[in-house]
N, C-alpha and C. Protein backbone atom coordinates (compact mmCIF):
# COMPACT_ATOMS: atom_id res chain seq x y z
N MET A 1 115.23 -26.08 11.13
CA MET A 1 114.53 -25.68 12.35
C MET A 1 115.27 -24.50 12.97
N ALA A 2 114.61 -23.40 13.08
CA ALA A 2 115.21 -22.22 13.70
C ALA A 2 114.82 -22.19 15.18
N LEU A 3 115.80 -21.98 16.01
CA LEU A 3 115.55 -21.91 17.44
C LEU A 3 115.19 -20.48 17.85
N THR A 4 114.30 -20.36 18.80
CA THR A 4 113.94 -19.04 19.31
C THR A 4 114.95 -18.63 20.37
N LYS A 5 115.04 -17.32 20.59
CA LYS A 5 115.93 -16.84 21.65
C LYS A 5 115.48 -17.36 23.02
N GLU A 6 114.20 -17.51 23.19
CA GLU A 6 113.67 -18.00 24.46
C GLU A 6 114.17 -19.42 24.74
N LEU A 7 114.15 -20.26 23.70
CA LEU A 7 114.61 -21.63 23.87
C LEU A 7 116.12 -21.68 24.15
N VAL A 8 116.88 -20.86 23.45
CA VAL A 8 118.32 -20.81 23.68
C VAL A 8 118.61 -20.29 25.09
N THR A 9 117.85 -19.31 25.54
CA THR A 9 118.01 -18.80 26.91
C THR A 9 117.70 -19.89 27.92
N HIS A 10 116.66 -20.66 27.67
CA HIS A 10 116.28 -21.76 28.57
C HIS A 10 117.40 -22.81 28.64
N VAL A 11 117.93 -23.19 27.48
CA VAL A 11 119.02 -24.18 27.45
C VAL A 11 120.25 -23.63 28.15
N ALA A 12 120.54 -22.35 27.96
CA ALA A 12 121.69 -21.73 28.62
C ALA A 12 121.52 -21.75 30.14
N ARG A 13 120.31 -21.50 30.60
CA ARG A 13 120.06 -21.56 32.06
C ARG A 13 120.25 -22.98 32.59
N LEU A 14 119.77 -23.97 31.83
CA LEU A 14 119.94 -25.36 32.25
C LEU A 14 121.43 -25.73 32.35
N ALA A 15 122.23 -25.16 31.44
CA ALA A 15 123.67 -25.43 31.43
C ALA A 15 124.42 -24.49 32.37
N GLU A 16 123.67 -23.65 33.09
CA GLU A 16 124.24 -22.67 34.01
C GLU A 16 125.22 -21.74 33.31
N LEU A 17 124.82 -21.29 32.11
CA LEU A 17 125.62 -20.34 31.34
C LEU A 17 124.97 -18.96 31.42
N ALA A 18 125.77 -17.96 31.66
CA ALA A 18 125.29 -16.59 31.63
C ALA A 18 125.78 -15.98 30.32
N LEU A 19 124.85 -15.78 29.38
CA LEU A 19 125.22 -15.29 28.07
C LEU A 19 124.78 -13.84 27.91
N SER A 20 125.66 -13.03 27.32
CA SER A 20 125.29 -11.66 26.97
C SER A 20 124.35 -11.71 25.78
N GLU A 21 123.77 -10.58 25.43
CA GLU A 21 122.85 -10.53 24.30
C GLU A 21 123.56 -10.93 23.00
N ASP A 22 124.81 -10.48 22.83
CA ASP A 22 125.58 -10.84 21.63
C ASP A 22 125.89 -12.34 21.61
N GLU A 23 126.27 -12.88 22.77
CA GLU A 23 126.56 -14.32 22.85
C GLU A 23 125.30 -15.14 22.60
N LEU A 24 124.18 -14.65 23.10
CA LEU A 24 122.90 -15.34 22.90
C LEU A 24 122.54 -15.39 21.42
N THR A 25 122.74 -14.29 20.72
CA THR A 25 122.46 -14.24 19.28
C THR A 25 123.39 -15.19 18.53
N ALA A 26 124.68 -15.19 18.89
CA ALA A 26 125.64 -16.08 18.23
C ALA A 26 125.30 -17.55 18.52
N MET A 27 124.94 -17.85 19.76
CA MET A 27 124.59 -19.22 20.14
C MET A 27 123.34 -19.68 19.40
N GLN A 28 122.38 -18.79 19.25
CA GLN A 28 121.16 -19.11 18.52
C GLN A 28 121.50 -19.48 17.08
N ALA A 29 122.36 -18.70 16.44
CA ALA A 29 122.75 -18.98 15.05
C ALA A 29 123.52 -20.30 14.96
N ASP A 30 124.45 -20.52 15.89
CA ASP A 30 125.25 -21.75 15.87
C ASP A 30 124.38 -22.99 16.07
N LEU A 31 123.51 -22.96 17.08
CA LEU A 31 122.66 -24.12 17.35
C LEU A 31 121.67 -24.37 16.22
N THR A 32 121.17 -23.32 15.61
CA THR A 32 120.27 -23.48 14.47
C THR A 32 121.00 -24.15 13.31
N ALA A 33 122.24 -23.73 13.05
CA ALA A 33 123.03 -24.34 11.97
C ALA A 33 123.30 -25.81 12.26
N ILE A 34 123.59 -26.15 13.51
CA ILE A 34 123.83 -27.55 13.88
C ILE A 34 122.58 -28.39 13.64
N LEU A 35 121.44 -27.88 14.08
CA LEU A 35 120.19 -28.62 13.90
C LEU A 35 119.82 -28.76 12.42
N GLN A 36 120.12 -27.76 11.61
CA GLN A 36 119.86 -27.87 10.17
C GLN A 36 120.74 -28.94 9.55
N HIS A 37 121.98 -29.04 10.02
CA HIS A 37 122.88 -30.09 9.53
C HIS A 37 122.35 -31.47 9.92
N VAL A 38 121.88 -31.61 11.15
CA VAL A 38 121.31 -32.88 11.60
C VAL A 38 120.09 -33.23 10.76
N ASP A 39 119.27 -32.25 10.45
CA ASP A 39 118.11 -32.50 9.58
C ASP A 39 118.55 -33.04 8.22
N GLN A 40 119.62 -32.48 7.67
CA GLN A 40 120.15 -32.98 6.39
C GLN A 40 120.62 -34.42 6.52
N LEU A 41 121.28 -34.74 7.62
CA LEU A 41 121.77 -36.11 7.83
C LEU A 41 120.61 -37.10 7.93
N GLN A 42 119.50 -36.66 8.49
CA GLN A 42 118.35 -37.56 8.66
C GLN A 42 117.69 -37.90 7.33
N THR A 43 117.96 -37.14 6.29
CA THR A 43 117.37 -37.43 4.99
C THR A 43 118.15 -38.49 4.21
N LEU A 44 119.33 -38.86 4.69
CA LEU A 44 120.15 -39.84 3.98
C LEU A 44 119.55 -41.24 4.07
N ASP A 45 119.65 -41.99 2.98
CA ASP A 45 119.20 -43.39 2.96
C ASP A 45 120.37 -44.26 3.41
N LEU A 46 120.28 -44.77 4.62
CA LEU A 46 121.36 -45.56 5.18
C LEU A 46 121.01 -47.05 5.25
N GLY A 47 119.96 -47.45 4.55
CA GLY A 47 119.52 -48.84 4.58
C GLY A 47 120.57 -49.82 4.08
N SER A 48 121.40 -49.40 3.13
CA SER A 48 122.41 -50.31 2.60
C SER A 48 123.75 -50.21 3.34
N ALA A 49 123.85 -49.32 4.30
CA ALA A 49 125.10 -49.16 5.06
C ALA A 49 125.21 -50.26 6.11
N ALA A 50 126.40 -50.81 6.22
CA ALA A 50 126.62 -51.86 7.23
C ALA A 50 126.57 -51.25 8.63
N ALA A 51 125.99 -51.99 9.55
CA ALA A 51 125.90 -51.53 10.93
C ALA A 51 127.29 -51.54 11.57
N THR A 52 127.55 -50.54 12.37
CA THR A 52 128.80 -50.47 13.11
C THR A 52 128.51 -50.77 14.56
N THR A 53 129.14 -51.79 15.09
CA THR A 53 128.87 -52.14 16.48
C THR A 53 129.67 -51.29 17.44
N HIS A 54 130.88 -50.91 17.06
CA HIS A 54 131.69 -50.05 17.92
C HIS A 54 132.81 -49.44 17.10
N LEU A 55 133.32 -48.34 17.59
CA LEU A 55 134.40 -47.65 16.90
C LEU A 55 135.70 -47.68 17.69
N ALA A 56 135.66 -48.21 18.89
CA ALA A 56 136.85 -48.20 19.74
C ALA A 56 137.89 -49.19 19.25
N VAL A 57 139.13 -48.82 19.41
CA VAL A 57 140.24 -49.73 19.11
C VAL A 57 140.37 -50.65 20.31
N GLU A 58 140.37 -51.94 20.06
CA GLU A 58 140.40 -52.88 21.18
C GLU A 58 141.70 -52.81 21.97
N ARG A 59 142.80 -52.60 21.27
CA ARG A 59 144.06 -52.52 21.98
C ARG A 59 145.01 -51.63 21.18
N MET A 60 145.58 -50.67 21.86
CA MET A 60 146.52 -49.79 21.19
C MET A 60 147.85 -50.52 21.00
N PRO A 61 148.48 -50.33 19.86
CA PRO A 61 149.79 -50.96 19.66
C PRO A 61 150.81 -50.36 20.61
N LEU A 62 151.63 -51.21 21.17
CA LEU A 62 152.65 -50.75 22.11
C LEU A 62 154.01 -50.72 21.41
N ARG A 63 154.79 -49.74 21.74
CA ARG A 63 156.14 -49.70 21.20
C ARG A 63 157.06 -50.45 22.17
N ALA A 64 158.15 -50.92 21.66
CA ALA A 64 159.11 -51.64 22.50
C ALA A 64 159.71 -50.69 23.53
N HIS A 65 159.90 -51.19 24.74
CA HIS A 65 160.50 -50.39 25.79
C HIS A 65 162.00 -50.37 25.57
N GLU A 66 162.51 -49.20 25.32
CA GLU A 66 163.95 -49.04 25.14
C GLU A 66 164.44 -48.00 26.12
N PRO A 67 165.10 -48.42 27.18
CA PRO A 67 165.58 -47.45 28.18
C PRO A 67 166.52 -46.42 27.54
N ARG A 68 166.35 -45.18 27.93
CA ARG A 68 167.21 -44.10 27.45
C ARG A 68 167.69 -43.31 28.65
N PRO A 69 168.82 -42.70 28.54
CA PRO A 69 169.29 -41.89 29.68
C PRO A 69 168.39 -40.66 29.85
N GLY A 70 168.13 -40.30 31.08
CA GLY A 70 167.32 -39.13 31.37
C GLY A 70 168.16 -37.87 31.40
N ILE A 71 167.52 -36.76 31.69
CA ILE A 71 168.23 -35.49 31.78
C ILE A 71 169.03 -35.46 33.08
N GLU A 72 170.19 -34.87 33.02
CA GLU A 72 171.03 -34.80 34.23
C GLU A 72 170.41 -33.83 35.23
N HIS A 73 170.66 -34.10 36.50
CA HIS A 73 170.07 -33.33 37.59
C HIS A 73 170.39 -31.83 37.46
N THR A 74 171.62 -31.50 37.19
CA THR A 74 171.99 -30.08 37.11
C THR A 74 171.31 -29.39 35.93
N ALA A 75 171.17 -30.08 34.81
CA ALA A 75 170.49 -29.50 33.65
C ALA A 75 169.02 -29.30 33.95
N ALA A 76 168.40 -30.22 34.65
CA ALA A 76 166.99 -30.09 35.01
C ALA A 76 166.79 -28.91 35.96
N ARG A 77 167.67 -28.75 36.92
CA ARG A 77 167.55 -27.63 37.87
C ARG A 77 167.77 -26.30 37.17
N ARG A 78 168.67 -26.27 36.17
CA ARG A 78 168.92 -25.04 35.42
C ARG A 78 167.67 -24.62 34.64
N ALA A 79 166.91 -25.59 34.16
CA ALA A 79 165.71 -25.30 33.35
C ALA A 79 164.50 -24.97 34.22
N ALA A 80 164.56 -25.24 35.50
CA ALA A 80 163.42 -25.01 36.40
C ALA A 80 163.26 -23.51 36.67
N PRO A 81 162.01 -23.06 36.83
CA PRO A 81 161.79 -21.65 37.16
C PRO A 81 162.44 -21.26 38.48
N LYS A 82 162.44 -22.19 39.42
CA LYS A 82 163.05 -21.93 40.73
C LYS A 82 163.47 -23.24 41.35
N ALA A 83 164.69 -23.27 41.86
CA ALA A 83 165.20 -24.49 42.49
C ALA A 83 165.72 -24.14 43.88
N LEU A 84 165.61 -25.08 44.79
CA LEU A 84 166.14 -24.94 46.15
C LEU A 84 167.04 -26.12 46.45
N GLU A 85 168.24 -25.84 46.93
CA GLU A 85 169.21 -26.87 47.28
C GLU A 85 169.27 -27.96 46.22
N GLU A 86 168.77 -29.15 46.51
CA GLU A 86 168.88 -30.27 45.57
C GLU A 86 167.57 -30.61 44.86
N GLY A 87 166.58 -29.72 44.96
CA GLY A 87 165.29 -30.04 44.35
C GLY A 87 164.67 -28.83 43.67
N PHE A 88 163.39 -28.96 43.38
CA PHE A 88 162.66 -27.91 42.71
C PHE A 88 161.74 -27.22 43.71
N ALA A 89 161.57 -25.93 43.55
CA ALA A 89 160.64 -25.17 44.40
C ALA A 89 159.27 -25.19 43.73
N VAL A 90 158.28 -25.67 44.46
CA VAL A 90 156.92 -25.72 43.96
C VAL A 90 156.11 -24.70 44.75
N PRO A 91 155.67 -23.61 44.13
CA PRO A 91 155.02 -22.52 44.86
C PRO A 91 153.88 -22.94 45.76
N ALA A 92 153.09 -23.92 45.36
CA ALA A 92 151.94 -24.30 46.19
C ALA A 92 152.37 -24.99 47.48
N PHE A 93 153.62 -25.45 47.55
CA PHE A 93 154.06 -26.20 48.72
C PHE A 93 155.27 -25.60 49.40
N VAL A 94 155.99 -24.71 48.75
CA VAL A 94 157.22 -24.14 49.31
C VAL A 94 157.04 -22.64 49.45
N GLU A 95 157.19 -22.15 50.66
CA GLU A 95 157.05 -20.73 50.90
C GLU A 95 158.40 -20.05 50.72
N ASP A 96 158.38 -18.85 50.12
CA ASP A 96 159.61 -18.05 50.02
C ASP A 96 159.96 -17.52 51.38
N LYS A 97 161.27 -17.47 51.70
CA LYS A 97 161.70 -16.93 53.00
C LYS A 97 162.52 -15.69 52.80
């Protein structure tokens, strides 16, 4: 199934995307290729395939908690882009004086 530029433009507007002419052409080709792949998948005979109820892992395996020493305060301050007195300077909250 080949998509028209008009349909791709309509979908782009629905998604609030502003596409240039080159982007529109590329998107048209990409979406057409995706739909052709889906068409191929629909031709598969899946009658003998077992149904899958879910793919989620019910519980992730946990690793044992083993406390380790953290980085020393002076080493952390040395690695920071900017530090003030005993802490870190965070530009959104600390004004330069």
